[in-house]
Amino acid sequence: MKHRVLCSILAALLLLPTLAACGRDGTAQNGSGTTAPVADTATTPVETEPETTAPSLEEILGFAKADNGGRPFTILSNSTSSYEFNVDALTGDVVSDAVFKKDQMVEEYLGIDLKIILENGSWAKRSGFNSKITQAVNSNDATYDLVSNMLVCTLPLAASGAFIDGNELPHVNFDQPWWLADMYERFSVSGKLYGFLGDASLSLYKDMSVVFFNKAIWEAQKPDANLYELVRNNEWTLDKFIELCSDMSRDLNGDGQYDSDNDQLTYFGEHVPNGTWHTALNLQLIEYDENGTPTYTGLTERFDTAYRKLANFRETVPGIKDQDSAVVGQYTPRETFAAGRVATMTNFIYTTEYIRDMEDDYGIVPIPKYDQNQEKYITQIGTSTSTLFVPKTVSDIALTSKVMECEAYFGYTEVSPKYYEVALKTKYASDADMQEMLDIIRDGATIDFLFVHGTALMNTPYQFFRYANIYPSLASAFKALDKSFEASLDKMTAAYAALN
């Protein structure tokens, strides 16, 4: 796991200055402050480790510190995610202050003055936000050096030629662990990628989908099931999840029903995070040809098998509830989970911000693999994750790419650890299992092609695992969508292929 390896290396390097020093007289200091004899090197050769020096910031980033004379650098950003950039002042909030420090470090390293223009870029207001980009590009206006907005809201502009492909950014290294892995392999079109996801955005961490479990319920009812060990041993699979989670409901009021107000539920999921099982089980419906052109496979046996297993789980196991989070007047899954009435729940990481004070202890693990042959645990991030876009009209593409790399790196080192510490209270600092699971979860973070481009296409087959409805014939449901979806995919692919 790239995150864990890099952190281990940095930690080892930081420990080097604390190693005990040998005295000039052939003795070494011991813990009591006295001296102890050391081996006679004249007769006993001692192998010494070669000195290791920590890599410089220039070596890590791949470019030197620069002085741009305090040049203004303007970022158009979504006002509903204003926590992504904070260059105004320290507030006393740990996470906000970490963002402030991140931005200060970027300014200092590159000699720039960050200017953040906030506009509402939410789904309801996306047209107004996007029109500012379009107007700037059409008038050859270089006002915006960088854009940050929700992936699903602004990426559709890419097909019109509004943005610069990642291959043209000279100082961004997408192989580094502070960027989402496999972006080109997962959701580029014709070998081109115009939206970039990484640790520059705190929402990357907030919007990762995971499985929460109530430790008190699991220890009482499944004392021999160690979910952390199952993850480590590559045994946390779809079948194992269904096997373990199929008998954990309790009809506490004895009315023969299982409801979120009075009883203990086996599983409670929200429609949107439920849908990310599609990605976690690696149910890809898009393949690439040798030219990087995406092609649609249609319904696969793997997809159908996974769907049927989870549909049967919902139809036959008591105490399972799925709910649209927009429903008013009902308990949400996170509220019911916080009250100690849910054994297992799929939700986004930011749910931790709402359940920190729950009486029962809880754990977090990745969504299961399809089976043990799946290479790694896959974590889908939300389509609302803040994404970086580079307008076609930027005046200094080299500087923009450096800002992107710095924002991602300093976000990785300064912001994400603080977010975990605060969101999980003391759990992140004190629970080694939790730290390891979060490393695994972040290492597998990605997003499926259909979720990235879904709103730019017609009848995209990416909502089946929300289980708002259970389809008796998945083949029939796909057939109703296939023709229009494939036509829209071909149209989008042609548009990307025509871009310079």
Protein backbone atom coordinates (compact mmCIF):
# COMPACT_ATOMS: atom_id res chain seq x y z
CA MET A 1 0.00 0.00 0.00
CA LYS A 2 1.65 3.19 -1.16
CA HIS A 3 0.34 5.32 1.71
CA ARG A 4 1.57 2.93 4.41
CA VAL A 5 4.97 2.43 2.72
CA LEU A 6 5.60 6.15 2.30
CA CYS A 7 4.52 6.93 5.86
CA SER A 8 6.77 4.18 7.22
CA ILE A 9 9.75 5.52 5.29
CA LEU A 10 9.18 9.06 6.50
CA ALA A 11 8.71 7.87 10.08
CA ALA A 12 11.98 5.93 9.94
CA LEU A 13 13.81 8.93 8.57
CA LEU A 14 12.48 11.14 11.34
CA LEU A 15 13.82 8.72 13.95
CA LEU A 16 17.39 8.84 12.67
CA PRO A 17 18.52 11.86 14.74
CA THR A 18 17.43 10.12 17.97
CA LEU A 19 19.75 7.12 17.59
CA ALA A 20 22.22 6.78 20.45
CA ALA A 21 25.62 8.33 19.76
CA CYS A 22 28.91 6.62 20.55
CA GLY A 23 31.39 8.47 22.81
CA ARG A 24 34.80 9.53 21.60
CA ASP A 25 36.42 7.19 24.14
CA GLY A 26 34.92 3.99 22.77
CA THR A 27 31.90 3.96 25.11
CA ALA A 28 28.23 4.40 24.44
CA GLN A 29 25.63 6.22 26.55
CA ASN A 30 23.10 3.90 28.16
CA GLY A 31 19.69 4.69 29.59
CA SER A 32 21.01 5.58 33.05
CA GLY A 33 23.41 8.20 31.77
CA THR A 34 26.47 6.03 32.56
CA THR A 35 28.68 4.51 29.96
CA ALA A 36 28.97 0.95 28.76
CA PRO A 37 31.86 -0.62 26.88
CA VAL A 38 31.47 -1.25 23.21
CA ALA A 39 33.09 -3.86 21.04
CA ASP A 40 36.77 -3.45 20.20
CA THR A 41 36.56 -2.54 16.55
CA ALA A 42 40.23 -3.36 16.09
CA THR A 43 39.52 -7.04 16.60
CA THR A 44 35.78 -7.23 15.96
CA PRO A 45 34.69 -5.67 12.68
CA VAL A 46 31.37 -3.89 13.05
CA GLU A 47 29.07 -3.57 10.12
CA THR A 48 27.53 -0.11 9.98
CA GLU A 49 24.41 0.93 8.16
CA PRO A 50 25.00 3.52 5.45
CA GLU A 51 23.82 6.97 6.46
CA THR A 52 20.38 7.82 5.18
CA THR A 53 19.16 11.34 4.73
CA ALA A 54 15.55 12.33 4.40
CA PRO A 55 14.59 13.39 0.88
CA SER A 56 14.25 17.12 0.43
CA LEU A 57 10.95 18.72 -0.42
CA GLU A 58 12.35 19.46 -3.87
CA GLU A 59 13.11 15.77 -4.37
CA ILE A 60 9.64 14.75 -3.19
CA LEU A 61 7.77 17.23 -5.35
CA GLY A 62 10.11 17.07 -8.33
CA PHE A 63 10.63 20.82 -8.65
CA ALA A 64 12.44 23.53 -6.72
CA LYS A 65 11.08 26.25 -4.50
CA ALA A 66 10.28 29.33 -6.56
CA ASP A 67 9.72 33.05 -6.13
CA ASN A 68 6.88 34.28 -8.28
CA GLY A 69 6.88 37.65 -6.57
CA GLY A 70 3.60 37.11 -4.78
CA ARG A 71 1.78 36.70 -8.08
CA PRO A 72 -1.99 36.24 -7.54
CA PHE A 73 -3.14 32.71 -8.29
CA THR A 74 -6.91 32.52 -8.70
CA ILE A 75 -8.97 29.42 -7.97
CA LEU A 76 -12.68 29.27 -8.79
CA SER A 77 -14.12 27.03 -6.08
CA ASN A 78 -17.47 25.73 -4.89
CA SER A 79 -18.88 27.77 -2.01
CA THR A 80 -20.72 24.73 -0.63
CA SER A 81 -17.31 23.07 -0.12
CA SER A 82 -15.50 26.14 1.16
CA TYR A 83 -13.54 23.97 3.60
CA GLU A 84 -11.29 22.87 0.69
CA PHE A 85 -9.37 26.17 0.74
CA ASN A 86 -8.95 28.54 3.68
CA VAL A 87 -6.39 31.29 3.16
CA ASP A 88 -7.99 33.95 5.33
CA ALA A 89 -7.07 33.17 8.93
CA LEU A 90 -6.55 30.56 11.62
CA THR A 91 -9.82 29.72 13.34
CA GLY A 92 -8.82 27.38 16.17
CA ASP A 93 -10.52 24.45 14.46
CA VAL A 94 -7.94 21.70 14.00
CA VAL A 95 -8.96 20.70 10.47
CA SER A 96 -9.59 24.24 9.24
CA ASP A 97 -6.22 25.33 10.60
CA ALA A 98 -4.56 22.39 8.83
CA VAL A 99 -6.11 23.60 5.56
CA PHE A 100 -4.86 27.10 6.32
CA LYS A 101 -1.36 25.71 6.91
CA LYS A 102 -1.55 23.69 3.67
CA ASP A 103 -2.39 26.76 1.65
CA GLN A 104 0.29 28.83 3.39
CA MET A 105 2.89 26.20 2.56
CA VAL A 106 1.82 26.25 -1.10
CA GLU A 107 2.07 30.06 -1.17
CA GLU A 108 5.48 30.05 0.48
CA TYR A 109 6.97 27.29 -1.67
CA LEU A 110 5.86 28.85 -4.94
CA GLY A 111 5.94 32.54 -4.01
CA ILE A 112 2.28 33.15 -4.90
CA ASP A 113 -0.82 34.69 -3.34
CA LEU A 114 -3.83 32.37 -3.46
CA LYS A 115 -7.09 34.08 -4.34
CA ILE A 116 -10.21 31.97 -3.90
CA ILE A 117 -13.38 32.98 -5.74
CA LEU A 118 -16.36 31.18 -4.21
CA GLU A 119 -19.41 30.40 -6.31
CA ASN A 120 -22.20 27.92 -5.66
CA GLY A 121 -21.29 24.87 -7.74
CA SER A 122 -23.80 22.43 -6.26
CA TRP A 123 -26.02 20.25 -8.43
CA ALA A 124 -28.85 22.78 -8.35
CA LYS A 125 -26.56 25.70 -9.22
CA ARG A 126 -24.06 23.96 -11.48
CA SER A 127 -25.18 25.77 -14.64
CA GLY A 128 -24.27 29.17 -13.21
CA PHE A 129 -20.92 27.91 -11.94
CA ASN A 130 -20.04 26.23 -15.22
CA SER A 131 -21.08 29.26 -17.26
CA LYS A 132 -18.31 31.27 -15.62
CA ILE A 133 -15.79 28.76 -16.92
CA THR A 134 -17.34 28.66 -20.37
CA GLN A 135 -17.43 32.45 -20.62
CA ALA A 136 -13.78 32.73 -19.62
CA VAL A 137 -12.68 30.08 -22.12
CA ASN A 138 -14.77 31.47 -24.99
CA SER A 139 -13.40 34.98 -24.44
CA ASN A 140 -9.83 33.75 -23.96
CA ASP A 141 -9.89 35.14 -20.43
CA ALA A 142 -7.12 33.79 -18.17
CA THR A 143 -8.77 34.92 -14.92
CA TYR A 144 -8.98 31.40 -13.48
CA ASP A 145 -5.71 29.55 -12.92
CA LEU A 146 -7.52 26.50 -11.50
CA VAL A 147 -11.08 25.30 -10.86
CA SER A 148 -12.34 23.12 -8.00
CA ASN A 149 -15.87 21.75 -8.02
CA MET A 150 -17.92 18.59 -7.59
CA LEU A 151 -16.88 15.96 -10.09
CA VAL A 152 -20.40 15.19 -11.30
CA CYS A 153 -21.29 18.87 -11.76
CA THR A 154 -18.38 20.17 -13.83
CA LEU A 155 -16.72 17.25 -15.64
CA PRO A 156 -19.41 17.23 -18.38
CA LEU A 157 -17.88 20.51 -19.63
CA ALA A 158 -14.80 18.55 -20.69
CA ALA A 159 -16.42 17.30 -23.88
CA SER A 160 -16.72 20.91 -25.09
CA GLY A 161 -12.96 21.45 -24.87
CA ALA A 162 -13.00 23.70 -21.80
CA PHE A 163 -10.12 21.98 -19.98
CA ILE A 164 -6.54 20.77 -20.36
CA ASP A 165 -5.70 17.05 -20.35
CA GLY A 166 -3.55 15.75 -17.51
CA ASN A 167 -0.88 14.61 -19.96
CA GLU A 168 -0.14 18.29 -20.63
CA LEU A 169 0.55 19.17 -16.97
CA PRO A 170 4.35 19.11 -16.69
CA HIS A 171 4.77 19.04 -12.90
CA VAL A 172 1.93 16.77 -11.78
CA ASN A 173 2.93 13.19 -10.96
CA PHE A 174 -0.22 11.08 -10.85
CA ASP A 175 1.82 8.07 -9.70
CA GLN A 176 2.31 9.66 -6.28
CA PRO A 177 0.14 8.42 -3.40
CA TRP A 178 -1.45 11.85 -2.94
CA TRP A 179 -3.38 11.35 -6.19
CA LEU A 180 -6.15 8.85 -6.79
CA ALA A 181 -4.62 5.75 -8.34
CA ASP A 182 -5.56 4.53 -11.81
CA MET A 183 -7.48 7.61 -12.96
CA TYR A 184 -6.41 7.14 -16.58
CA GLU A 185 -7.05 3.41 -16.43
CA ARG A 186 -10.47 3.80 -14.78
CA PHE A 187 -12.24 6.77 -16.35
CA SER A 188 -10.28 8.48 -19.11
CA VAL A 189 -11.89 8.74 -22.54
CA SER A 190 -9.76 8.20 -25.67
CA GLY A 191 -6.70 8.41 -23.43
CA LYS A 192 -7.68 11.87 -22.14
CA LEU A 193 -8.47 12.96 -18.60
CA TYR A 194 -9.75 16.39 -17.63
CA GLY A 195 -10.72 16.09 -13.95
CA PHE A 196 -8.19 15.22 -11.23
CA LEU A 197 -8.84 13.70 -7.81
CA GLY A 198 -6.40 13.67 -4.94
CA ASP A 199 -5.48 14.88 -1.47
CA ALA A 200 -5.79 18.50 -2.55
CA SER A 201 -9.46 17.88 -1.70
CA LEU A 202 -10.51 17.00 1.84
CA SER A 203 -13.78 15.70 0.43
CA LEU A 204 -11.81 12.78 -1.02
CA TYR A 205 -11.64 11.43 2.53
CA LYS A 206 -15.09 12.53 3.61
CA ASP A 207 -16.76 10.82 0.64
CA MET A 208 -15.14 7.38 0.75
CA SER A 209 -17.69 4.55 1.15
CA VAL A 210 -17.05 2.06 3.95
CA VAL A 211 -18.78 -0.48 6.17
CA PHE A 212 -19.46 0.55 9.78
CA PHE A 213 -20.14 -2.11 12.39
CA ASN A 214 -21.35 -1.87 15.98
CA LYS A 215 -18.66 -3.59 18.05
CA ALA A 216 -20.96 -4.28 21.02
CA ILE A 217 -23.50 -6.09 18.83
CA TRP A 218 -20.85 -8.05 16.95
CA GLU A 219 -18.99 -9.06 20.12
CA ALA A 220 -22.25 -10.23 21.71
CA GLN A 221 -23.59 -12.15 18.72
CA LYS A 222 -20.51 -13.08 16.70
CA PRO A 223 -17.64 -13.22 19.23
CA ASP A 224 -15.54 -15.41 16.95
CA ALA A 225 -15.84 -13.11 13.92
CA ASN A 226 -12.93 -10.68 13.77
CA LEU A 227 -13.68 -8.44 10.79
CA TYR A 228 -10.24 -6.85 10.89
CA GLU A 229 -8.59 -10.25 10.58
CA LEU A 230 -10.92 -11.19 7.74
CA VAL A 231 -9.81 -8.07 5.88
CA ARG A 232 -6.12 -8.79 6.52
CA ASN A 233 -6.48 -12.41 5.45
CA ASN A 234 -8.26 -11.57 2.19
CA GLU A 235 -11.40 -13.31 3.49
CA TRP A 236 -13.74 -10.31 3.73
CA THR A 237 -15.77 -11.17 0.64
CA LEU A 238 -19.37 -10.78 -0.51
CA ASP A 239 -20.22 -14.34 0.52
CA LYS A 240 -18.61 -13.92 3.95
CA PHE A 241 -20.48 -10.65 4.50
CA ILE A 242 -23.82 -12.31 3.73
CA GLU A 243 -22.96 -15.36 5.85
CA LEU A 244 -22.05 -13.31 8.91
CA CYS A 245 -24.68 -10.59 8.61
CA SER A 246 -27.75 -12.72 8.02
CA ASP A 247 -28.89 -13.36 11.60
CA MET A 248 -28.18 -10.24 13.63
CA SER A 249 -31.63 -8.61 13.87
CA ARG A 250 -33.56 -8.54 17.15
CA ASP A 251 -37.31 -7.91 17.53
CA LEU A 252 -36.85 -6.00 20.77
CA ASN A 253 -40.51 -5.04 21.31
CA GLY A 254 -41.88 -8.42 20.25
CA ASP A 255 -44.34 -7.11 17.66
CA GLY A 256 -43.09 -9.37 14.87
CA GLN A 257 -41.75 -6.39 12.91
CA TYR A 258 -38.29 -4.90 12.47
CA ASP A 259 -38.26 -1.12 12.44
CA SER A 260 -35.58 1.49 13.02
CA ASP A 261 -37.46 3.11 15.92
CA ASN A 262 -37.68 0.11 18.25
CA ASP A 263 -35.68 -2.90 17.08
CA GLN A 264 -32.15 -3.97 16.25
CA LEU A 265 -31.51 -4.09 12.51
CA THR A 266 -29.14 -6.43 10.75
CA TYR A 267 -28.22 -3.86 8.10
CA PHE A 268 -29.29 -0.29 7.35
CA GLY A 269 -28.10 1.36 4.16
CA GLU A 270 -28.69 4.60 2.31
CA HIS A 271 -29.40 4.37 -1.40
CA VAL A 272 -26.43 6.44 -2.56
CA PRO A 273 -23.64 4.73 -0.54
CA ASN A 274 -25.35 1.38 -1.23
CA GLY A 275 -24.74 2.05 -4.92
CA THR A 276 -20.99 2.08 -4.41
CA TRP A 277 -21.00 -1.72 -3.93
CA HIS A 278 -21.06 -1.72 -7.73
CA THR A 279 -17.49 -0.38 -7.72
CA ALA A 280 -16.27 -2.18 -4.59
CA LEU A 281 -17.15 -5.56 -6.14
CA ASN A 282 -15.31 -4.55 -9.33
CA LEU A 283 -18.37 -4.95 -11.55
CA GLN A 284 -17.03 -2.96 -14.47
CA LEU A 285 -19.26 -2.63 -17.51
CA ILE A 286 -16.73 -0.63 -19.51
CA GLU A 287 -13.61 -1.99 -21.20
CA TYR A 288 -10.92 -0.13 -23.14
CA ASP A 289 -9.56 -1.03 -26.57
CA GLU A 290 -5.94 -0.48 -27.60
CA ASN A 291 -6.68 3.19 -28.40
CA GLY A 292 -8.14 3.93 -24.99
CA THR A 293 -11.67 4.00 -26.39
CA PRO A 294 -14.27 2.88 -23.83
CA THR A 295 -16.62 0.12 -24.96
CA TYR A 296 -19.74 -1.14 -23.21
CA THR A 297 -19.88 -4.82 -22.25
CA GLY A 298 -23.54 -4.98 -21.33
CA LEU A 299 -24.69 -7.09 -18.41
CA THR A 300 -21.97 -9.49 -17.25
CA GLU A 301 -22.30 -12.76 -15.36
CA ARG A 302 -20.28 -11.30 -12.47
CA PHE A 303 -22.61 -8.29 -12.24
CA ASP A 304 -25.72 -10.45 -12.33
CA THR A 305 -24.37 -12.86 -9.70
CA ALA A 306 -23.46 -10.10 -7.27
CA TYR A 307 -26.80 -8.37 -7.78
CA ARG A 308 -28.76 -11.57 -7.17
CA LYS A 309 -26.83 -12.39 -3.97
CA LEU A 310 -27.47 -8.98 -2.43
CA ALA A 311 -31.08 -8.90 -3.66
CA ASN A 312 -31.69 -12.27 -2.00
CA PHE A 313 -30.02 -10.98 1.16
CA ARG A 314 -32.54 -8.11 1.26
CA GLU A 315 -35.55 -10.22 0.39
CA THR A 316 -34.97 -13.13 2.78
CA VAL A 317 -33.07 -11.80 5.82
CA PRO A 318 -35.11 -10.07 8.53
CA GLY A 319 -34.12 -6.67 9.84
CA ILE A 320 -32.71 -5.10 6.66
CA LYS A 321 -33.64 -1.59 5.66
CA ASP A 322 -32.58 0.64 2.77
CA GLN A 323 -33.60 4.25 2.66
CA ASP A 324 -33.22 7.36 0.57
CA SER A 325 -31.43 9.89 2.77
CA ALA A 326 -33.71 12.60 1.38
CA VAL A 327 -36.79 11.10 3.06
CA VAL A 328 -38.12 13.58 5.63
CA GLY A 329 -39.53 12.53 8.98
CA GLN A 330 -37.74 9.19 9.28
CA TYR A 331 -34.64 8.16 11.14
CA THR A 332 -31.59 8.19 8.92
CA PRO A 333 -29.24 5.20 8.96
CA ARG A 334 -26.56 7.19 10.80
CA GLU A 335 -29.04 8.25 13.53
CA THR A 336 -30.22 4.69 14.04
CA PHE A 337 -26.65 3.40 14.02
CA ALA A 338 -25.61 6.06 16.58
CA ALA A 339 -28.48 4.91 18.81
CA GLY A 340 -27.00 1.40 18.88
CA ARG A 341 -29.81 -0.26 16.90
CA VAL A 342 -27.89 -1.31 13.76
CA ALA A 343 -25.32 -4.11 13.51
CA THR A 344 -23.87 -3.08 10.13
CA MET A 345 -24.19 -0.06 7.87
CA THR A 346 -22.68 1.12 4.58
CA ASN A 347 -22.05 4.84 4.50
CA PHE A 348 -19.53 7.56 3.73
CA ILE A 349 -16.59 8.29 6.03
CA TYR A 350 -18.04 11.69 6.95
CA THR A 351 -20.70 9.78 8.91
CA THR A 352 -18.08 9.60 11.66
CA GLU A 353 -18.70 13.31 12.25
CA TYR A 354 -22.27 12.45 13.35
CA ILE A 355 -21.68 9.29 15.40
CA ARG A 356 -18.63 10.25 17.48
CA ASP A 357 -20.68 10.47 20.66
CA MET A 358 -22.56 7.17 20.30
CA GLU A 359 -22.47 5.05 23.44
CA ASP A 360 -21.36 1.83 21.74
CA ASP A 361 -17.95 1.54 20.17
CA TYR A 362 -17.82 1.06 16.41
CA GLY A 363 -15.39 -0.16 13.77
CA ILE A 364 -14.77 0.59 10.11
CA VAL A 365 -13.76 -1.85 7.37
CA PRO A 366 -13.74 -1.62 3.58
CA ILE A 367 -16.72 -2.84 1.57
CA PRO A 368 -16.06 -6.55 0.87
CA LYS A 369 -14.39 -7.92 -2.25
CA TYR A 370 -16.39 -9.91 -4.78
CA ASP A 371 -14.25 -12.95 -3.96
CA GLN A 372 -10.69 -13.78 -2.92
CA ASN A 373 -9.47 -13.50 -6.51
CA GLN A 374 -10.15 -9.75 -6.50
CA GLU A 375 -6.77 -8.04 -6.29
CA LYS A 376 -7.56 -5.55 -3.53
CA TYR A 377 -10.36 -3.88 -1.62
CA ILE A 378 -11.89 -1.11 -3.70
CA THR A 379 -13.31 2.05 -2.16
CA GLN A 380 -15.53 4.26 -4.23
CA ILE A 381 -15.48 7.97 -3.51
CA GLY A 382 -18.59 10.07 -3.97
CA THR A 383 -19.49 11.79 -7.22
CA SER A 384 -19.68 15.01 -5.19
CA THR A 385 -15.96 14.86 -4.37
CA SER A 386 -14.17 18.12 -5.15
CA THR A 387 -12.19 17.73 -8.35
CA LEU A 388 -9.51 19.93 -9.94
CA PHE A 389 -9.92 21.21 -13.50
CA VAL A 390 -7.45 23.28 -15.53
CA PRO A 391 -9.15 25.79 -17.86
CA LYS A 392 -7.87 25.88 -21.43
CA THR A 393 -6.99 29.57 -21.03
CA VAL A 394 -4.54 29.37 -18.08
CA SER A 395 -1.68 31.81 -18.54
CA ASP A 396 1.03 29.67 -16.91
CA ILE A 397 0.39 25.94 -17.18
CA ALA A 398 3.70 25.11 -15.47
CA LEU A 399 2.75 27.13 -12.39
CA THR A 400 -0.77 25.70 -12.31
CA SER A 401 0.59 22.16 -12.39
CA LYS A 402 3.00 22.99 -9.55
CA VAL A 403 0.18 24.41 -7.45
CA MET A 404 -1.83 21.24 -8.03
CA GLU A 405 1.06 19.01 -6.96
CA CYS A 406 1.76 21.13 -3.87
CA GLU A 407 -1.90 21.28 -2.86
CA ALA A 408 -2.18 17.50 -3.15
CA TYR A 409 1.08 16.78 -1.33
CA PHE A 410 0.52 19.21 1.55
CA GLY A 411 -3.07 18.03 1.81
CA TYR A 412 -1.71 14.49 2.15
CA THR A 413 0.80 15.40 4.85
CA GLU A 414 -1.05 18.14 6.75
CA VAL A 415 -4.82 17.84 6.32
CA SER A 416 -5.90 14.22 5.99
CA PRO A 417 -4.21 13.06 9.26
CA LYS A 418 -5.88 15.91 11.16
CA TYR A 419 -9.25 15.08 9.63
CA TYR A 420 -8.98 11.47 10.79
CA GLU A 421 -7.92 12.54 14.28
CA VAL A 422 -10.88 14.90 14.64
CA ALA A 423 -13.54 12.87 12.80
CA LEU A 424 -12.66 9.70 14.72
CA LYS A 425 -11.81 11.47 17.97
CA THR A 426 -9.19 9.39 19.80
CA LYS A 427 -9.95 6.23 17.82
CA TYR A 428 -7.50 7.05 15.05
CA ALA A 429 -4.66 7.77 17.45
CA SER A 430 -5.31 4.85 19.81
CA ASP A 431 -6.65 2.07 17.59
CA ALA A 432 -3.99 0.45 15.39
CA ASP A 433 -6.67 -1.65 13.69
CA MET A 434 -8.52 1.50 12.68
CA GLN A 435 -5.37 3.07 11.28
CA GLU A 436 -4.60 -0.02 9.24
CA MET A 437 -8.16 -0.27 7.89
CA LEU A 438 -8.13 3.40 6.87
CA ASP A 439 -4.82 2.84 5.06
CA ILE A 440 -6.39 -0.06 3.15
CA ILE A 441 -9.51 1.98 2.42
CA ARG A 442 -7.54 4.96 1.10
CA ASP A 443 -5.19 2.74 -0.90
CA GLY A 444 -8.18 1.31 -2.76
CA ALA A 445 -9.92 4.64 -3.35
CA THR A 446 -11.21 5.08 -6.89
CA ILE A 447 -14.43 5.67 -8.81
CA ASP A 448 -16.02 3.68 -11.61
CA PHE A 449 -16.31 5.05 -15.15
CA LEU A 450 -20.13 4.94 -15.03
CA PHE A 451 -20.28 7.06 -11.88
CA VAL A 452 -17.78 9.57 -13.25
CA HIS A 453 -19.62 10.11 -16.53
CA GLY A 454 -23.10 8.94 -15.57
CA THR A 455 -24.87 12.29 -15.72
CA ALA A 456 -23.30 13.14 -19.10
CA LEU A 457 -24.71 9.93 -20.59
CA MET A 458 -28.24 8.59 -21.08
CA ASN A 459 -29.76 5.79 -18.99
CA THR A 460 -26.43 4.91 -17.40
CA PRO A 461 -26.68 1.49 -15.65
CA TYR A 462 -25.07 2.54 -12.39
CA GLN A 463 -27.93 2.68 -9.86
CA PHE A 464 -28.93 -0.97 -9.56
CA PHE A 465 -27.08 -1.55 -6.28
CA ARG A 466 -28.93 1.24 -4.55
CA TYR A 467 -31.78 -1.28 -4.20
CA ALA A 468 -34.47 1.37 -4.38
CA ASN A 469 -36.17 -1.35 -6.42
CA ILE A 470 -35.35 -5.02 -6.80
CA TYR A 471 -35.58 -6.21 -10.41
CA PRO A 472 -36.86 -9.74 -10.98
CA SER A 473 -35.07 -9.77 -14.35
CA LEU A 474 -31.86 -7.82 -14.49
CA ALA A 475 -31.40 -8.77 -18.15
CA SER A 476 -34.70 -7.09 -19.04
CA ALA A 477 -33.79 -3.99 -17.04
CA PHE A 478 -30.47 -3.71 -18.86
CA LYS A 479 -32.05 -4.29 -22.25
CA ALA A 480 -34.34 -1.31 -21.71
CA LEU A 481 -31.30 0.93 -21.18
CA ASP A 482 -28.63 -0.52 -23.44
CA LYS A 483 -29.43 1.11 -26.78
CA SER A 484 -29.72 4.70 -25.56
CA PHE A 485 -26.76 4.35 -23.21
CA GLU A 486 -24.46 2.91 -25.86
CA ALA A 487 -25.43 5.64 -28.33
CA SER A 488 -24.65 8.37 -25.81
CA LEU A 489 -21.32 6.72 -24.94
CA ASP A 490 -20.35 6.67 -28.62
CA LYS A 491 -21.30 10.34 -28.93
CA MET A 492 -19.21 11.34 -25.89
CA THR A 493 -16.25 9.25 -27.08
CA ALA A 494 -16.32 10.95 -30.48
CA ALA A 495 -16.39 14.36 -28.82
CA TYR A 496 -13.33 13.52 -26.68
CA ALA A 497 -11.47 12.04 -29.64
CA ALA A 498 -11.95 15.30 -31.56
CA LEU A 499 -10.40 17.43 -28.79
CA ASN A 500 -6.87 18.74 -29.33
